[in-house]
Amino acid sequence: MDIFTNYFIMEKGKKITYAEVVKKLELVLEKIENPDLPLSEVEDEVKKAIDLIKICKEELNGYEKDFNKLVKE
């Protein structure tokens, strides 16, 4: 993970929730949808979105593994 991703995982000394990451992703998407946003800023926002999506995928994969363990028991 890069520094940006770590920033979102740890915020004010605590891990932020999946819902908080999704909310941040929604804010990034709102910025990207703004037609007045300069292309250079769109690129930065897309990179943020990619990092946030990675966090979401990791969290969901963890839940999937836990669920599969429960189903096998």
N, C-alpha and C. Protein backbone atom coordinates (compact mmCIF):
# COMPACT_ATOMS: atom_id res chain seq x y z
N MET A 1 0.83 -1.18 0.00
CA MET A 1 0.00 0.00 0.00
C MET A 1 0.87 1.24 0.00
N ASP A 2 0.39 2.29 -0.63
CA ASP A 2 1.16 3.52 -0.66
C ASP A 2 0.81 4.43 0.51
N ILE A 3 1.49 5.55 0.60
CA ILE A 3 1.29 6.48 1.71
C ILE A 3 -0.14 7.00 1.73
N PHE A 4 -0.70 7.30 0.56
CA PHE A 4 -2.05 7.83 0.49
C PHE A 4 -3.05 6.84 1.08
N THR A 5 -2.93 5.59 0.73
CA THR A 5 -3.83 4.57 1.25
C THR A 5 -3.71 4.47 2.75
N ASN A 6 -2.48 4.50 3.27
CA ASN A 6 -2.29 4.44 4.71
C ASN A 6 -2.95 5.62 5.42
N TYR A 7 -2.98 6.77 4.78
CA TYR A 7 -3.64 7.93 5.35
C TYR A 7 -5.12 7.64 5.61
N PHE A 8 -5.75 6.95 4.69
CA PHE A 8 -7.16 6.67 4.86
C PHE A 8 -7.42 5.54 5.84
N ILE A 9 -6.52 4.61 5.94
CA ILE A 9 -6.72 3.53 6.90
C ILE A 9 -6.60 4.08 8.32
N MET A 10 -5.64 4.92 8.55
CA MET A 10 -5.45 5.50 9.87
C MET A 10 -5.81 6.98 9.81
N GLU A 11 -6.82 7.36 10.54
CA GLU A 11 -7.21 8.75 10.59
C GLU A 11 -7.39 9.12 12.05
N LYS A 12 -6.62 10.09 12.51
CA LYS A 12 -6.64 10.50 13.92
C LYS A 12 -6.35 9.32 14.84
N GLY A 13 -5.42 8.45 14.43
CA GLY A 13 -4.99 7.37 15.28
C GLY A 13 -5.90 6.16 15.33
N LYS A 14 -6.95 6.14 14.52
CA LYS A 14 -7.85 4.98 14.53
C LYS A 14 -8.16 4.55 13.11
N LYS A 15 -8.49 3.30 12.96
CA LYS A 15 -8.87 2.79 11.65
C LYS A 15 -10.27 3.28 11.32
N ILE A 16 -10.44 3.81 10.12
CA ILE A 16 -11.76 4.27 9.73
C ILE A 16 -12.57 3.10 9.21
N THR A 17 -13.86 3.22 9.28
CA THR A 17 -14.74 2.12 8.91
C THR A 17 -14.92 2.03 7.40
N TYR A 18 -15.44 0.90 6.98
CA TYR A 18 -15.76 0.70 5.57
C TYR A 18 -16.72 1.78 5.08
N ALA A 19 -17.71 2.10 5.90
CA ALA A 19 -18.69 3.12 5.52
C ALA A 19 -18.03 4.48 5.33
N GLU A 20 -17.04 4.79 6.17
CA GLU A 20 -16.33 6.06 6.04
C GLU A 20 -15.50 6.09 4.76
N VAL A 21 -14.91 4.97 4.41
CA VAL A 21 -14.13 4.90 3.16
C VAL A 21 -15.07 5.09 1.97
N VAL A 22 -16.24 4.46 2.02
CA VAL A 22 -17.21 4.61 0.93
C VAL A 22 -17.66 6.06 0.82
N LYS A 23 -17.88 6.70 1.96
CA LYS A 23 -18.28 8.12 1.94
C LYS A 23 -17.20 8.98 1.29
N LYS A 24 -15.93 8.71 1.61
CA LYS A 24 -14.82 9.44 1.00
C LYS A 24 -14.79 9.18 -0.51
N LEU A 25 -15.06 7.95 -0.90
CA LEU A 25 -15.09 7.61 -2.32
C LEU A 25 -16.21 8.37 -3.03
N GLU A 26 -17.35 8.48 -2.40
CA GLU A 26 -18.46 9.23 -2.98
C GLU A 26 -18.09 10.70 -3.18
N LEU A 27 -17.38 11.28 -2.21
CA LEU A 27 -16.94 12.67 -2.34
C LEU A 27 -15.96 12.85 -3.50
N VAL A 28 -15.06 11.89 -3.64
CA VAL A 28 -14.10 11.93 -4.75
C VAL A 28 -14.85 11.85 -6.08
N LEU A 29 -15.83 10.98 -6.16
CA LEU A 29 -16.60 10.83 -7.39
C LEU A 29 -17.37 12.10 -7.74
N GLU A 30 -17.89 12.77 -6.73
CA GLU A 30 -18.57 14.04 -6.97
C GLU A 30 -17.62 15.05 -7.60
N LYS A 31 -16.38 15.09 -7.09
CA LYS A 31 -15.39 16.01 -7.65
C LYS A 31 -15.10 15.67 -9.11
N ILE A 32 -14.93 14.37 -9.38
CA ILE A 32 -14.60 13.93 -10.74
C ILE A 32 -15.72 14.28 -11.71
N GLU A 33 -16.96 14.21 -11.24
CA GLU A 33 -18.11 14.50 -12.10
C GLU A 33 -18.27 15.99 -12.42
N ASN A 34 -17.55 16.84 -11.72
CA ASN A 34 -17.63 18.28 -11.95
C ASN A 34 -16.93 18.61 -13.28
N PRO A 35 -17.69 19.10 -14.28
CA PRO A 35 -17.08 19.38 -15.59
C PRO A 35 -16.07 20.54 -15.56
N ASP A 36 -16.08 21.34 -14.51
CA ASP A 36 -15.16 22.47 -14.40
C ASP A 36 -13.83 22.09 -13.75
N LEU A 37 -13.71 20.86 -13.26
CA LEU A 37 -12.49 20.43 -12.61
C LEU A 37 -11.38 20.27 -13.65
N PRO A 38 -10.23 20.92 -13.43
CA PRO A 38 -9.12 20.79 -14.38
C PRO A 38 -8.68 19.33 -14.52
N LEU A 39 -8.25 18.98 -15.71
CA LEU A 39 -7.86 17.61 -16.00
C LEU A 39 -6.78 17.10 -15.05
N SER A 40 -5.84 17.95 -14.69
CA SER A 40 -4.78 17.53 -13.77
C SER A 40 -5.36 17.12 -12.41
N GLU A 41 -6.39 17.81 -11.97
CA GLU A 41 -7.03 17.46 -10.71
C GLU A 41 -7.88 16.21 -10.85
N VAL A 42 -8.46 16.02 -12.02
CA VAL A 42 -9.22 14.79 -12.27
C VAL A 42 -8.30 13.59 -12.12
N GLU A 43 -7.11 13.70 -12.66
CA GLU A 43 -6.14 12.60 -12.55
C GLU A 43 -5.83 12.29 -11.08
N ASP A 44 -5.61 13.32 -10.28
CA ASP A 44 -5.34 13.11 -8.86
C ASP A 44 -6.52 12.45 -8.16
N GLU A 45 -7.72 12.88 -8.48
CA GLU A 45 -8.92 12.32 -7.85
C GLU A 45 -9.13 10.87 -8.27
N VAL A 46 -8.82 10.56 -9.51
CA VAL A 46 -8.95 9.17 -9.97
C VAL A 46 -7.97 8.28 -9.20
N LYS A 47 -6.77 8.76 -8.97
CA LYS A 47 -5.79 8.00 -8.18
C LYS A 47 -6.31 7.77 -6.76
N LYS A 48 -6.93 8.80 -6.17
CA LYS A 48 -7.51 8.64 -4.83
C LYS A 48 -8.62 7.59 -4.86
N ALA A 49 -9.46 7.66 -5.89
CA ALA A 49 -10.56 6.70 -6.01
C ALA A 49 -10.03 5.28 -6.11
N ILE A 50 -8.98 5.09 -6.88
CA ILE A 50 -8.39 3.75 -7.03
C ILE A 50 -7.91 3.23 -5.67
N ASP A 51 -7.24 4.09 -4.91
CA ASP A 51 -6.76 3.69 -3.58
C ASP A 51 -7.92 3.34 -2.65
N LEU A 52 -8.97 4.14 -2.69
CA LEU A 52 -10.12 3.88 -1.84
C LEU A 52 -10.82 2.58 -2.23
N ILE A 53 -10.91 2.32 -3.51
CA ILE A 53 -11.51 1.07 -3.98
C ILE A 53 -10.68 -0.12 -3.52
N LYS A 54 -9.36 0.02 -3.53
CA LYS A 54 -8.50 -1.06 -3.04
C LYS A 54 -8.79 -1.37 -1.57
N ILE A 55 -8.97 -0.31 -0.78
CA ILE A 55 -9.29 -0.50 0.63
C ILE A 55 -10.61 -1.25 0.78
N CYS A 56 -11.61 -0.85 0.00
CA CYS A 56 -12.92 -1.51 0.05
C CYS A 56 -12.80 -2.98 -0.34
N LYS A 57 -12.04 -3.25 -1.39
CA LYS A 57 -11.88 -4.64 -1.84
C LYS A 57 -11.20 -5.49 -0.78
N GLU A 58 -10.17 -4.94 -0.13
CA GLU A 58 -9.48 -5.68 0.93
C GLU A 58 -10.43 -5.99 2.07
N GLU A 59 -11.23 -5.02 2.45
CA GLU A 59 -12.18 -5.21 3.54
C GLU A 59 -13.21 -6.29 3.16
N LEU A 60 -13.74 -6.20 1.96
CA LEU A 60 -14.74 -7.18 1.51
C LEU A 60 -14.13 -8.58 1.39
N ASN A 61 -12.89 -8.67 0.93
CA ASN A 61 -12.24 -9.97 0.85
C ASN A 61 -12.09 -10.59 2.23
N GLY A 62 -11.81 -9.77 3.23
CA GLY A 62 -11.70 -10.26 4.60
C GLY A 62 -13.03 -10.82 5.08
N TYR A 63 -14.10 -10.11 4.79
CA TYR A 63 -15.43 -10.60 5.16
C TYR A 63 -15.78 -11.89 4.43
N GLU A 64 -15.38 -11.96 3.17
CA GLU A 64 -15.66 -13.17 2.39
C GLU A 64 -14.96 -14.38 2.99
N LYS A 65 -13.71 -14.19 3.39
CA LYS A 65 -12.96 -15.29 4.01
C LYS A 65 -13.63 -15.73 5.31
N ASP A 66 -14.04 -14.76 6.12
CA ASP A 66 -14.72 -15.09 7.37
C ASP A 66 -16.03 -15.83 7.10
N PHE A 67 -16.76 -15.38 6.12
CA PHE A 67 -18.03 -16.02 5.77
C PHE A 67 -17.81 -17.45 5.31
N ASN A 68 -16.80 -17.64 4.46
CA ASN A 68 -16.51 -18.98 3.96
C ASN A 68 -16.12 -19.93 5.10
N LYS A 69 -15.38 -19.42 6.09
CA LYS A 69 -15.03 -20.24 7.26
C LYS A 69 -16.28 -20.66 8.01
N LEU A 70 -17.20 -19.73 8.18
CA LEU A 70 -18.44 -20.02 8.90
C LEU A 70 -19.29 -21.06 8.16
N VAL A 71 -19.33 -20.95 6.85
CA VAL A 71 -20.13 -21.88 6.04
C VAL A 71 -19.56 -23.28 6.12
N LYS A 72 -18.23 -23.40 6.19
CA LYS A 72 -17.58 -24.71 6.23
C LYS A 72 -17.74 -25.40 7.57
N GLU A 73 -18.02 -24.63 8.64
CA GLU A 73 -18.13 -25.23 9.97
C GLU A 73 -19.43 -25.98 10.14
